[in-house]
Amino acid sequence: MWVGVWAPPAAWALQLAFGVMFGFAQCGPNGRRWQLSLDTWSVASAVVAGLVAVTGIAAAMVAFRGTTDRSDGPPPGSRIHFMAAMALAIGPLFLAIIVLDGLGTGLGELCRQS
């Protein structure tokens, strides 16, 4: 159950942190010399984060289906069912954020001064 609750948000947070740090490194003086492709790395991080999020959603589905008969019963069965339902609610949202973040990186100009 906890994998279902925490995997999608943690995957998005790590993908976001990786993207920001890689963007800063790419726009620095040494980043131009390395000539690393930000698009390639952002897609790779989105794929890895997406797989982690899908794993979390699958774990939440298993916990939800496993506790369906205890949903109206006393704790801890009803709490596990509730937390699994919340994980099923937030998991696809974080997966959508991960996909959009992975796609959106290549659309903007990275090292542009404002």
PDB file of N, CA and C in Angstrom:
ATOM      1  N   MET A   1       0.820  -1.181   0.000  1.00  0.00           N
ATOM      2  CA  MET A   1       0.000   0.000   0.000  1.00  0.00           C
ATOM      3  C   MET A   1       0.876   1.261   0.000  1.00  0.00           C
ATOM      4  N   TRP A   2       1.926   1.259   0.805  1.00  0.00           N
ATOM      5  CA  TRP A   2       2.751   2.465   0.869  1.00  0.00           C
ATOM      6  C   TRP A   2       3.498   2.709  -0.427  1.00  0.00           C
ATOM      7  N   VAL A   3       3.818   1.667  -1.153  1.00  0.00           N
ATOM      8  CA  VAL A   3       4.433   1.859  -2.471  1.00  0.00           C
ATOM      9  C   VAL A   3       3.451   2.574  -3.386  1.00  0.00           C
ATOM     10  N   GLY A   4       2.194   2.200  -3.318  1.00  0.00           N
ATOM     11  CA  GLY A   4       1.174   2.854  -4.137  1.00  0.00           C
ATOM     12  C   GLY A   4       0.962   4.311  -3.769  1.00  0.00           C
ATOM     13  N   VAL A   5       1.103   4.623  -2.487  1.00  0.00           N
ATOM     14  CA  VAL A   5       0.898   6.007  -2.041  1.00  0.00           C
ATOM     15  C   VAL A   5       2.097   6.882  -2.383  1.00  0.00           C
ATOM     16  N   TRP A   6       3.299   6.379  -2.164  1.00  0.00           N
ATOM     17  CA  TRP A   6       4.486   7.236  -2.270  1.00  0.00           C
ATOM     18  C   TRP A   6       5.266   7.129  -3.575  1.00  0.00           C
ATOM     19  N   ALA A   7       5.111   6.076  -4.336  1.00  0.00           N
ATOM     20  CA  ALA A   7       5.928   5.913  -5.547  1.00  0.00           C
ATOM     21  C   ALA A   7       5.648   6.981  -6.608  1.00  0.00           C
ATOM     22  N   PRO A   8       4.399   7.258  -6.978  1.00  0.00           N
ATOM     23  CA  PRO A   8       4.190   8.281  -8.013  1.00  0.00           C
ATOM     24  C   PRO A   8       4.668   9.686  -7.618  1.00  0.00           C
ATOM     25  N   PRO A   9       4.344  10.185  -6.407  1.00  0.00           N
ATOM     26  CA  PRO A   9       4.872  11.516  -6.065  1.00  0.00           C
ATOM     27  C   PRO A   9       6.393  11.557  -5.949  1.00  0.00           C
ATOM     28  N   ALA A  10       6.986  10.497  -5.417  1.00  0.00           N
ATOM     29  CA  ALA A  10       8.450  10.467  -5.304  1.00  0.00           C
ATOM     30  C   ALA A  10       9.107  10.416  -6.674  1.00  0.00           C
ATOM     31  N   ALA A  11       8.514   9.665  -7.598  1.00  0.00           N
ATOM     32  CA  ALA A  11       9.070   9.597  -8.955  1.00  0.00           C
ATOM     33  C   ALA A  11       9.008  10.961  -9.625  1.00  0.00           C
ATOM     34  N   TRP A  12       7.893  11.665  -9.455  1.00  0.00           N
ATOM     35  CA  TRP A  12       7.778  13.001 -10.052  1.00  0.00           C
ATOM     36  C   TRP A  12       8.770  13.969  -9.412  1.00  0.00           C
ATOM     37  N   ALA A  13       8.907  13.918  -8.092  1.00  0.00           N
ATOM     38  CA  ALA A  13       9.828  14.836  -7.415  1.00  0.00           C
ATOM     39  C   ALA A  13      11.267  14.604  -7.858  1.00  0.00           C
ATOM     40  N   LEU A  14      11.662  13.341  -7.981  1.00  0.00           N
ATOM     41  CA  LEU A  14      13.025  13.053  -8.429  1.00  0.00           C
ATOM     42  C   LEU A  14      13.230  13.436  -9.892  1.00  0.00           C
ATOM     43  N   GLN A  15      12.208  13.228 -10.713  1.00  0.00           N
ATOM     44  CA  GLN A  15      12.317  13.641 -12.115  1.00  0.00           C
ATOM     45  C   GLN A  15      12.444  15.161 -12.215  1.00  0.00           C
ATOM     46  N   LEU A  16      11.664  15.874 -11.417  1.00  0.00           N
ATOM     47  CA  LEU A  16      11.738  17.335 -11.425  1.00  0.00           C
ATOM     48  C   LEU A  16      13.105  17.821 -10.952  1.00  0.00           C
ATOM     49  N   ALA A  17      13.601  17.244  -9.863  1.00  0.00           N
ATOM     50  CA  ALA A  17      14.915  17.648  -9.355  1.00  0.00           C
ATOM     51  C   ALA A  17      16.015  17.343 -10.367  1.00  0.00           C
ATOM     52  N   PHE A  18      15.947  16.169 -10.991  1.00  0.00           N
ATOM     53  CA  PHE A  18      16.934  15.816 -12.007  1.00  0.00           C
ATOM     54  C   PHE A  18      16.878  16.796 -13.180  1.00  0.00           C
ATOM     55  N   GLY A  19      15.683  17.130 -13.621  1.00  0.00           N
ATOM     56  CA  GLY A  19      15.536  18.050 -14.748  1.00  0.00           C
ATOM     57  C   GLY A  19      16.060  19.446 -14.445  1.00  0.00           C
ATOM     58  N   VAL A  20      15.788  19.935 -13.242  1.00  0.00           N
ATOM     59  CA  VAL A  20      16.270  21.270 -12.869  1.00  0.00           C
ATOM     60  C   VAL A  20      17.793  21.274 -12.759  1.00  0.00           C
ATOM     61  N   MET A  21      18.344  20.266 -12.096  1.00  0.00           N
ATOM     62  CA  MET A  21      19.802  20.217 -11.949  1.00  0.00           C
ATOM     63  C   MET A  21      20.493  20.032 -13.295  1.00  0.00           C
ATOM     64  N   PHE A  22      19.933  19.196 -14.140  1.00  0.00           N
ATOM     65  CA  PHE A  22      20.527  18.991 -15.453  1.00  0.00           C
ATOM     66  C   PHE A  22      20.400  20.243 -16.312  1.00  0.00           C
ATOM     67  N   GLY A  23      19.294  20.961 -16.179  1.00  0.00           N
ATOM     68  CA  GLY A  23      19.133  22.216 -16.906  1.00  0.00           C
ATOM     69  C   GLY A  23      20.139  23.269 -16.472  1.00  0.00           C
ATOM     70  N   PHE A  24      20.364  23.369 -15.155  1.00  0.00           N
ATOM     71  CA  PHE A  24      21.376  24.303 -14.666  1.00  0.00           C
ATOM     72  C   PHE A  24      22.762  23.918 -15.171  1.00  0.00           C
ATOM     73  N   ALA A  25      23.053  22.623 -15.156  1.00  0.00           N
ATOM     74  CA  ALA A  25      24.367  22.176 -15.625  1.00  0.00           C
ATOM     75  C   ALA A  25      24.523  22.422 -17.122  1.00  0.00           C
ATOM     76  N   GLN A  26      23.464  22.222 -17.865  1.00  0.00           N
ATOM     77  CA  GLN A  26      23.519  22.406 -19.318  1.00  0.00           C
ATOM     78  C   GLN A  26      23.746  23.872 -19.686  1.00  0.00           C
ATOM     79  N   CYS A  27      23.166  24.794 -18.922  1.00  0.00           N
ATOM     80  CA  CYS A  27      23.284  26.216 -19.261  1.00  0.00           C
ATOM     81  C   CYS A  27      24.529  26.876 -18.679  1.00  0.00           C
ATOM     82  N   GLY A  28      25.263  26.171 -17.847  1.00  0.00           N
ATOM     83  CA  GLY A  28      26.490  26.727 -17.290  1.00  0.00           C
ATOM     84  C   GLY A  28      27.613  26.703 -18.320  1.00  0.00           C
ATOM     85  N   PRO A  29      28.733  27.323 -17.996  1.00  0.00           N
ATOM     86  CA  PRO A  29      29.845  27.369 -18.939  1.00  0.00           C
ATOM     87  C   PRO A  29      30.410  25.986 -19.279  1.00  0.00           C
ATOM     88  N   ASN A  30      30.424  25.081 -18.322  1.00  0.00           N
ATOM     89  CA  ASN A  30      30.941  23.743 -18.602  1.00  0.00           C
ATOM     90  C   ASN A  30      29.941  22.888 -19.360  1.00  0.00           C
ATOM     91  N   GLY A  31      28.651  23.170 -19.210  1.00  0.00           N
ATOM     92  CA  GLY A  31      27.630  22.386 -19.881  1.00  0.00           C
ATOM     93  C   GLY A  31      27.679  22.507 -21.390  1.00  0.00           C
ATOM     94  N   ARG A  32      28.034  23.659 -21.866  1.00  0.00           N
ATOM     95  CA  ARG A  32      28.151  23.837 -23.325  1.00  0.00           C
ATOM     96  C   ARG A  32      29.302  23.000 -23.880  1.00  0.00           C
ATOM     97  N   ARG A  33      30.330  22.834 -23.085  1.00  0.00           N
ATOM     98  CA  ARG A  33      31.482  22.049 -23.516  1.00  0.00           C
ATOM     99  C   ARG A  33      31.166  20.552 -23.540  1.00  0.00           C
ATOM    100  N   TRP A  34      30.307  20.083 -22.625  1.00  0.00           N
ATOM    101  CA  TRP A  34      29.964  18.664 -22.573  1.00  0.00           C
ATOM    102  C   TRP A  34      29.071  18.258 -23.733  1.00  0.00           C
ATOM    103  N   GLN A  35      28.242  19.142 -24.198  1.00  0.00           N
ATOM    104  CA  GLN A  35      27.305  18.914 -25.300  1.00  0.00           C
ATOM    105  C   GLN A  35      26.433  17.685 -25.068  1.00  0.00           C
ATOM    106  N   LEU A  36      25.805  17.651 -23.901  1.00  0.00           N
ATOM    107  CA  LEU A  36      24.861  16.584 -23.583  1.00  0.00           C
ATOM    108  C   LEU A  36      23.478  16.988 -24.073  1.00  0.00           C
ATOM    109  N   SER A  37      22.741  16.041 -24.572  1.00  0.00           N
ATOM    110  CA  SER A  37      21.409  16.320 -25.098  1.00  0.00           C
ATOM    111  C   SER A  37      20.393  16.318 -23.958  1.00  0.00           C
ATOM    112  N   LEU A  38      19.833  17.476 -23.683  1.00  0.00           N
ATOM    113  CA  LEU A  38      18.828  17.576 -22.632  1.00  0.00           C
ATOM    114  C   LEU A  38      17.572  16.805 -22.998  1.00  0.00           C
ATOM    115  N   ASP A  39      17.199  16.808 -24.268  1.00  0.00           N
ATOM    116  CA  ASP A  39      15.995  16.095 -24.693  1.00  0.00           C
ATOM    117  C   ASP A  39      16.120  14.600 -24.417  1.00  0.00           C
ATOM    118  N   THR A  40      17.257  14.031 -24.716  1.00  0.00           N
ATOM    119  CA  THR A  40      17.461  12.601 -24.481  1.00  0.00           C
ATOM    120  C   THR A  40      17.376  12.266 -23.000  1.00  0.00           C
ATOM    121  N   TRP A  41      18.027  13.065 -22.174  1.00  0.00           N
ATOM    122  CA  TRP A  41      18.019  12.803 -20.743  1.00  0.00           C
ATOM    123  C   TRP A  41      16.649  13.055 -20.131  1.00  0.00           C
ATOM    124  N   SER A  42      15.920  14.038 -20.610  1.00  0.00           N
ATOM    125  CA  SER A  42      14.590  14.297 -20.048  1.00  0.00           C
ATOM    126  C   SER A  42      13.609  13.190 -20.417  1.00  0.00           C
ATOM    127  N   VAL A  43      13.716  12.669 -21.638  1.00  0.00           N
ATOM    128  CA  VAL A  43      12.853  11.544 -22.019  1.00  0.00           C
ATOM    129  C   VAL A  43      13.225  10.305 -21.212  1.00  0.00           C
ATOM    130  N   ALA A  44      14.516  10.073 -21.021  1.00  0.00           N
ATOM    131  CA  ALA A  44      14.942   8.907 -20.233  1.00  0.00           C
ATOM    132  C   ALA A  44      14.462   9.019 -18.789  1.00  0.00           C
ATOM    133  N   SER A  45      14.565  10.203 -18.193  1.00  0.00           N
ATOM    134  CA  SER A  45      14.097  10.358 -16.817  1.00  0.00           C
ATOM    135  C   SER A  45      12.578  10.252 -16.743  1.00  0.00           C
ATOM    136  N   ALA A  46      11.873  10.708 -17.770  1.00  0.00           N
ATOM    137  CA  ALA A  46      10.412  10.577 -17.787  1.00  0.00           C
ATOM    138  C   ALA A  46       9.995   9.114 -17.906  1.00  0.00           C
ATOM    139  N   VAL A  47      10.716   8.344 -18.695  1.00  0.00           N
ATOM    140  CA  VAL A  47      10.391   6.921 -18.841  1.00  0.00           C
ATOM    141  C   VAL A  47      10.626   6.183 -17.524  1.00  0.00           C
ATOM    142  N   VAL A  48      11.744   6.445 -16.872  1.00  0.00           N
ATOM    143  CA  VAL A  48      12.037   5.783 -15.599  1.00  0.00           C
ATOM    144  C   VAL A  48      11.017   6.199 -14.537  1.00  0.00           C
ATOM    145  N   ALA A  49      10.729   7.504 -14.453  1.00  0.00           N
ATOM    146  CA  ALA A  49       9.744   7.966 -13.476  1.00  0.00           C
ATOM    147  C   ALA A  49       8.359   7.422 -13.797  1.00  0.00           C
ATOM    148  N   GLY A  50       8.018   7.324 -15.065  1.00  0.00           N
ATOM    149  CA  GLY A  50       6.733   6.763 -15.454  1.00  0.00           C
ATOM    150  C   GLY A  50       6.605   5.299 -15.066  1.00  0.00           C
ATOM    151  N   LEU A  51       7.683   4.546 -15.232  1.00  0.00           N
ATOM    152  CA  LEU A  51       7.654   3.140 -14.824  1.00  0.00           C
ATOM    153  C   LEU A  51       7.495   2.992 -13.313  1.00  0.00           C
ATOM    154  N   VAL A  52       8.151   3.856 -12.560  1.00  0.00           N
ATOM    155  CA  VAL A  52       7.997   3.827 -11.105  1.00  0.00           C
ATOM    156  C   VAL A  52       6.561   4.184 -10.721  1.00  0.00           C
ATOM    157  N   ALA A  53       5.983   5.182 -11.383  1.00  0.00           N
ATOM    158  CA  ALA A  53       4.602   5.584 -11.089  1.00  0.00           C
ATOM    159  C   ALA A  53       3.616   4.480 -11.451  1.00  0.00           C
ATOM    160  N   VAL A  54       3.820   3.821 -12.573  1.00  0.00           N
ATOM    161  CA  VAL A  54       2.932   2.719 -12.966  1.00  0.00           C
ATOM    162  C   VAL A  54       3.048   1.563 -11.973  1.00  0.00           C
ATOM    163  N   THR A  55       4.251   1.308 -11.478  1.00  0.00           N
ATOM    164  CA  THR A  55       4.437   0.287 -10.453  1.00  0.00           C
ATOM    165  C   THR A  55       3.671   0.648  -9.185  1.00  0.00           C
ATOM    166  N   GLY A  56       3.701   1.913  -8.809  1.00  0.00           N
ATOM    167  CA  GLY A  56       2.943   2.363  -7.642  1.00  0.00           C
ATOM    168  C   GLY A  56       1.442   2.229  -7.844  1.00  0.00           C
ATOM    169  N   ILE A  57       0.971   2.550  -9.032  1.00  0.00           N
ATOM    170  CA  ILE A  57      -0.459   2.411  -9.324  1.00  0.00           C
ATOM    171  C   ILE A  57      -0.868   0.942  -9.275  1.00  0.00           C
ATOM    172  N   ALA A  58      -0.020   0.067  -9.801  1.00  0.00           N
ATOM    173  CA  ALA A  58      -0.314  -1.371  -9.758  1.00  0.00           C
ATOM    174  C   ALA A  58      -0.343  -1.878  -8.316  1.00  0.00           C
ATOM    175  N   ALA A  59       0.579  -1.409  -7.484  1.00  0.00           N
ATOM    176  CA  ALA A  59       0.592  -1.814  -6.075  1.00  0.00           C
ATOM    177  C   ALA A  59      -0.658  -1.314  -5.365  1.00  0.00           C
ATOM    178  N   ALA A  60      -1.100  -0.111  -5.694  1.00  0.00           N
ATOM    179  CA  ALA A  60      -2.328   0.415  -5.092  1.00  0.00           C
ATOM    180  C   ALA A  60      -3.542  -0.391  -5.541  1.00  0.00           C
ATOM    181  N   MET A  61      -3.551  -0.814  -6.789  1.00  0.00           N
ATOM    182  CA  MET A  61      -4.658  -1.632  -7.286  1.00  0.00           C
ATOM    183  C   MET A  61      -4.712  -2.980  -6.566  1.00  0.00           C
ATOM    184  N   VAL A  62      -3.550  -3.581  -6.354  1.00  0.00           N
ATOM    185  CA  VAL A  62      -3.512  -4.856  -5.632  1.00  0.00           C
ATOM    186  C   VAL A  62      -4.013  -4.677  -4.202  1.00  0.00           C
ATOM    187  N   ALA A  63      -3.578  -3.607  -3.523  1.00  0.00           N
ATOM    188  CA  ALA A  63      -4.026  -3.356  -2.150  1.00  0.00           C
ATOM    189  C   ALA A  63      -5.523  -3.047  -2.108  1.00  0.00           C
ATOM    190  N   PHE A  64      -6.010  -2.298  -3.083  1.00  0.00           N
ATOM    191  CA  PHE A  64      -7.430  -1.945  -3.113  1.00  0.00           C
ATOM    192  C   PHE A  64      -8.292  -3.183  -3.329  1.00  0.00           C
ATOM    193  N   ARG A  65      -7.910  -4.010  -4.284  1.00  0.00           N
ATOM    194  CA  ARG A  65      -8.700  -5.213  -4.567  1.00  0.00           C
ATOM    195  C   ARG A  65      -8.586  -6.237  -3.441  1.00  0.00           C
ATOM    196  N   GLY A  66      -7.452  -6.255  -2.769  1.00  0.00           N
ATOM    197  CA  GLY A  66      -7.264  -7.200  -1.665  1.00  0.00           C
ATOM    198  C   GLY A  66      -8.017  -6.836  -0.407  1.00  0.00           C
ATOM    199  N   THR A  67      -8.417  -5.595  -0.269  1.00  0.00           N
ATOM    200  CA  THR A  67      -9.124  -5.153   0.938  1.00  0.00           C
ATOM    201  C   THR A  67     -10.567  -4.734   0.657  1.00  0.00           C
ATOM    202  N   THR A  68     -11.101  -5.093  -0.480  1.00  0.00           N
ATOM    203  CA  THR A  68     -12.478  -4.710  -0.818  1.00  0.00           C
ATOM    204  C   THR A  68     -13.473  -5.288   0.179  1.00  0.00           C
ATOM    205  N   ASP A  69     -13.257  -6.510   0.622  1.00  0.00           N
ATOM    206  CA  ASP A  69     -14.190  -7.116   1.565  1.00  0.00           C
ATOM    207  C   ASP A  69     -14.085  -6.518   2.968  1.00  0.00           C
ATOM    208  N   ARG A  70     -12.996  -5.819   3.277  1.00  0.00           N
ATOM    209  CA  ARG A  70     -12.818  -5.206   4.595  1.00  0.00           C
ATOM    210  C   ARG A  70     -13.050  -3.709   4.585  1.00  0.00           C
ATOM    211  N   SER A  71     -13.625  -3.161   3.516  1.00  0.00           N
ATOM    212  CA  SER A  71     -13.758  -1.710   3.394  1.00  0.00           C
ATOM    213  C   SER A  71     -14.705  -1.117   4.426  1.00  0.00           C
ATOM    214  N   ASP A  72     -15.708  -1.859   4.862  1.00  0.00           N
ATOM    215  CA  ASP A  72     -16.647  -1.348   5.864  1.00  0.00           C
ATOM    216  C   ASP A  72     -16.361  -1.879   7.255  1.00  0.00           C
ATOM    217  N   GLY A  73     -15.295  -2.644   7.391  1.00  0.00           N
ATOM    218  CA  GLY A  73     -14.969  -3.258   8.665  1.00  0.00           C
ATOM    219  C   GLY A  73     -14.157  -2.331   9.554  1.00  0.00           C
ATOM    220  N   PRO A  74     -13.686  -2.878  10.662  1.00  0.00           N
ATOM    221  CA  PRO A  74     -12.874  -2.078  11.591  1.00  0.00           C
ATOM    222  C   PRO A  74     -11.455  -1.903  11.051  1.00  0.00           C
ATOM    223  N   PRO A  75     -10.725  -0.941  11.602  1.00  0.00           N
ATOM    224  CA  PRO A  75      -9.330  -0.768  11.200  1.00  0.00           C
ATOM    225  C   PRO A  75      -8.530  -2.008  11.564  1.00  0.00           C
ATOM    226  N   PRO A  76      -7.458  -2.309  10.932  1.00  0.00           N
ATOM    227  CA  PRO A  76      -6.738  -1.569   9.913  1.00  0.00           C
ATOM    228  C   PRO A  76      -7.195  -1.865   8.492  1.00  0.00           C
ATOM    229  N   GLY A  77      -8.086  -2.841   8.288  1.00  0.00           N
ATOM    230  CA  GLY A  77      -8.506  -3.183   6.931  1.00  0.00           C
ATOM    231  C   GLY A  77      -9.165  -2.030   6.200  1.00  0.00           C
ATOM    232  N   SER A  78     -10.028  -1.281   6.905  1.00  0.00           N
ATOM    233  CA  SER A  78     -10.701  -0.161   6.255  1.00  0.00           C
ATOM    234  C   SER A  78      -9.729   0.980   5.958  1.00  0.00           C
ATOM    235  N   ARG A  79      -8.725   1.148   6.805  1.00  0.00           N
ATOM    236  CA  ARG A  79      -7.731   2.199   6.544  1.00  0.00           C
ATOM    237  C   ARG A  79      -6.857   1.850   5.349  1.00  0.00           C
ATOM    238  N   ILE A  80      -6.499   0.586   5.240  1.00  0.00           N
ATOM    239  CA  ILE A  80      -5.700   0.162   4.092  1.00  0.00           C
ATOM    240  C   ILE A  80      -6.491   0.366   2.806  1.00  0.00           C
ATOM    241  N   HIS A  81      -7.769   0.033   2.852  1.00  0.00           N
ATOM    242  CA  HIS A  81      -8.627   0.214   1.676  1.00  0.00           C
ATOM    243  C   HIS A  81      -8.733   1.700   1.310  1.00  0.00           C
ATOM    244  N   PHE A  82      -8.894   2.552   2.317  1.00  0.00           N
ATOM    245  CA  PHE A  82      -8.985   3.998   2.074  1.00  0.00           C
ATOM    246  C   PHE A  82      -7.687   4.542   1.485  1.00  0.00           C
ATOM    247  N   MET A  83      -6.556   4.161   2.058  1.00  0.00           N
ATOM    248  CA  MET A  83      -5.278   4.651   1.541  1.00  0.00           C
ATOM    249  C   MET A  83      -5.016   4.136   0.135  1.00  0.00           C
ATOM    250  N   ALA A  84      -5.422   2.913  -0.152  1.00  0.00           N
ATOM    251  CA  ALA A  84      -5.261   2.383  -1.511  1.00  0.00           C
ATOM    252  C   ALA A  84      -6.150   3.150  -2.486  1.00  0.00           C
ATOM    253  N   ALA A  85      -7.351   3.524  -2.056  1.00  0.00           N
ATOM    254  CA  ALA A  85      -8.236   4.325  -2.917  1.00  0.00           C
ATOM    255  C   ALA A  85      -7.630   5.701  -3.185  1.00  0.00           C
ATOM    256  N   MET A  86      -7.019   6.299  -2.176  1.00  0.00           N
ATOM    257  CA  MET A  86      -6.369   7.601  -2.377  1.00  0.00           C
ATOM    258  C   MET A  86      -5.162   7.467  -3.296  1.00  0.00           C
ATOM    259  N   ALA A  87      -4.427   6.375  -3.169  1.00  0.00           N
ATOM    260  CA  ALA A  87      -3.287   6.138  -4.069  1.00  0.00           C
ATOM    261  C   ALA A  87      -3.766   5.965  -5.506  1.00  0.00           C
ATOM    262  N   LEU A  88      -4.914   5.319  -5.686  1.00  0.00           N
ATOM    263  CA  LEU A  88      -5.466   5.183  -7.038  1.00  0.00           C
ATOM    264  C   LEU A  88      -5.967   6.517  -7.578  1.00  0.00           C
ATOM    265  N   ALA A  89      -6.314   7.434  -6.693  1.00  0.00           N
ATOM    266  CA  ALA A  89      -6.758   8.758  -7.137  1.00  0.00           C
ATOM    267  C   ALA A  89      -5.585   9.647  -7.537  1.00  0.00           C
ATOM    268  N   ILE A  90      -4.494   9.604  -6.776  1.00  0.00           N
ATOM    269  CA  ILE A  90      -3.376  10.510  -7.064  1.00  0.00           C
ATOM    270  C   ILE A  90      -2.365   9.927  -8.037  1.00  0.00           C
ATOM    271  N   GLY A  91      -2.283   8.614  -8.125  1.00  0.00           N
ATOM    272  CA  GLY A  91      -1.292   7.978  -8.998  1.00  0.00           C
ATOM    273  C   GLY A  91      -1.398   8.395 -10.454  1.00  0.00           C
ATOM    274  N   PRO A  92      -2.583   8.304 -11.068  1.00  0.00           N
ATOM    275  CA  PRO A  92      -2.693   8.741 -12.469  1.00  0.00           C
ATOM    276  C   PRO A  92      -2.433  10.230 -12.666  1.00  0.00           C
ATOM    277  N   LEU A  93      -2.739  11.040 -11.659  1.00  0.00           N
ATOM    278  CA  LEU A  93      -2.446  12.476 -11.779  1.00  0.00           C
ATOM    279  C   LEU A  93      -0.938  12.722 -11.850  1.00  0.00           C
ATOM    280  N   PHE A  94      -0.198  12.065 -10.975  1.00  0.00           N
ATOM    281  CA  PHE A  94       1.257  12.217 -11.020  1.00  0.00           C
ATOM    282  C   PHE A  94       1.847  11.602 -12.274  1.00  0.00           C
ATOM    283  N   LEU A  95       1.262  10.529 -12.764  1.00  0.00           N
ATOM    284  CA  LEU A  95       1.730   9.948 -14.022  1.00  0.00           C
ATOM    285  C   LEU A  95       1.519  10.925 -15.172  1.00  0.00           C
ATOM    286  N   ALA A  96       0.393  11.612 -15.182  1.00  0.00           N
ATOM    287  CA  ALA A  96       0.147  12.613 -16.223  1.00  0.00           C
ATOM    288  C   ALA A  96       1.141  13.767 -16.116  1.00  0.00           C
ATOM    289  N   ILE A  97       1.458  14.193 -14.899  1.00  0.00           N
ATOM    290  CA  ILE A  97       2.442  15.263 -14.713  1.00  0.00           C
ATOM    291  C   ILE A  97       3.807  14.814 -15.218  1.00  0.00           C
ATOM    292  N   ILE A  98       4.170  13.571 -14.949  1.00  0.00           N
ATOM    293  CA  ILE A  98       5.461  13.039 -15.401  1.00  0.00           C
ATOM    294  C   ILE A  98       5.529  13.023 -16.920  1.00  0.00           C
ATOM    295  N   VAL A  99       4.462  12.565 -17.559  1.00  0.00           N
ATOM    296  CA  VAL A  99       4.444  12.506 -19.027  1.00  0.00           C
ATOM    297  C   VAL A  99       4.509  13.914 -19.623  1.00  0.00           C
ATOM    298  N   LEU A 100       3.723  14.836 -19.089  1.00  0.00           N
ATOM    299  CA  LEU A 100       3.728  16.199 -19.621  1.00  0.00           C
ATOM    300  C   LEU A 100       5.061  16.898 -19.382  1.00  0.00           C
ATOM    301  N   ASP A 101       5.682  16.635 -18.248  1.00  0.00           N
ATOM    302  CA  ASP A 101       6.999  17.218 -17.980  1.00  0.00           C
ATOM    303  C   ASP A 101       8.040  16.662 -18.939  1.00  0.00           C
ATOM    304  N   GLY A 102       7.963  15.374 -19.218  1.00  0.00           N
ATOM    305  CA  GLY A 102       8.903  14.773 -20.161  1.00  0.00           C
ATOM    306  C   GLY A 102       8.716  15.285 -21.577  1.00  0.00           C
ATOM    307  N   LEU A 103       7.465  15.512 -21.964  1.00  0.00           N
ATOM    308  CA  LEU A 103       7.201  16.041 -23.308  1.00  0.00           C
ATOM    309  C   LEU A 103       7.496  17.528 -23.419  1.00  0.00           C
ATOM    310  N   GLY A 104       7.245  18.264 -22.364  1.00  0.00           N
ATOM    311  CA  GLY A 104       7.382  19.717 -22.414  1.00  0.00           C
ATOM    312  C   GLY A 104       8.800  20.232 -22.412  1.00  0.00           C
ATOM    313  N   THR A 105       9.738  19.422 -22.007  1.00  0.00           N
ATOM    314  CA  THR A 105      11.123  19.879 -21.936  1.00  0.00           C
ATOM    315  C   THR A 105      11.661  20.219 -23.315  1.00  0.00           C
ATOM    316  N   GLY A 106      11.320  19.435 -24.302  1.00  0.00           N
ATOM    317  CA  GLY A 106      11.845  19.666 -25.639  1.00  0.00           C
ATOM    318  C   GLY A 106      11.177  20.800 -26.389  1.00  0.00           C
ATOM    319  N   LEU A 107      10.074  21.324 -25.855  1.00  0.00           N
ATOM    320  CA  LEU A 107       9.348  22.374 -26.567  1.00  0.00           C
ATOM    321  C   LEU A 107       9.865  23.779 -26.294  1.00  0.00           C
ATOM    322  N   GLY A 108      10.528  23.968 -25.175  1.00  0.00           N
ATOM    323  CA  GLY A 108      10.995  25.292 -24.824  1.00  0.00           C
ATOM    324  C   GLY A 108      12.468  25.486 -25.132  1.00  0.00           C
ATOM    325  N   GLU A 109      12.879  26.738 -25.044  1.00  0.00           N
ATOM    326  CA  GLU A 109      14.280  27.063 -25.241  1.00  0.00           C
ATOM    327  C   GLU A 109      14.943  27.058 -23.874  1.00  0.00           C
ATOM    328  N   LEU A 110      15.988  26.283 -23.719  1.00  0.00           N
ATOM    329  CA  LEU A 110      16.534  26.035 -22.383  1.00  0.00           C
ATOM    330  C   LEU A 110      17.367  27.201 -21.845  1.00  0.00           C
ATOM    331  N   CYS A 111      18.373  27.608 -22.543  1.00  0.00           N
ATOM    332  CA  CYS A 111      19.344  28.554 -21.998  1.00  0.00           C
ATOM    333  C   CYS A 111      19.103  29.973 -22.485  1.00  0.00           C
ATOM    334  N   ARG A 112      17.897  30.409 -22.488  1.00  0.00           N
ATOM    335  CA  ARG A 112      17.557  31.754 -22.948  1.00  0.00           C
ATOM    336  C   ARG A 112      17.537  32.717 -21.772  1.00  0.00           C
ATOM    337  N   GLN A 113      18.198  33.827 -21.910  1.00  0.00           N
ATOM    338  CA  GLN A 113      18.181  34.843 -20.860  1.00  0.00           C
ATOM    339  C   GLN A 113      16.914  35.667 -20.974  1.00  0.00           C
ATOM    340  N   SER A 114      16.299  35.961 -19.837  1.00  0.00           N
ATOM    341  CA  SER A 114      15.055  36.728 -19.895  1.00  0.00           C
ATOM    342  C   SER A 114      15.270  38.203 -19.848  1.00  0.00           C
TER     343      SER A 114
END
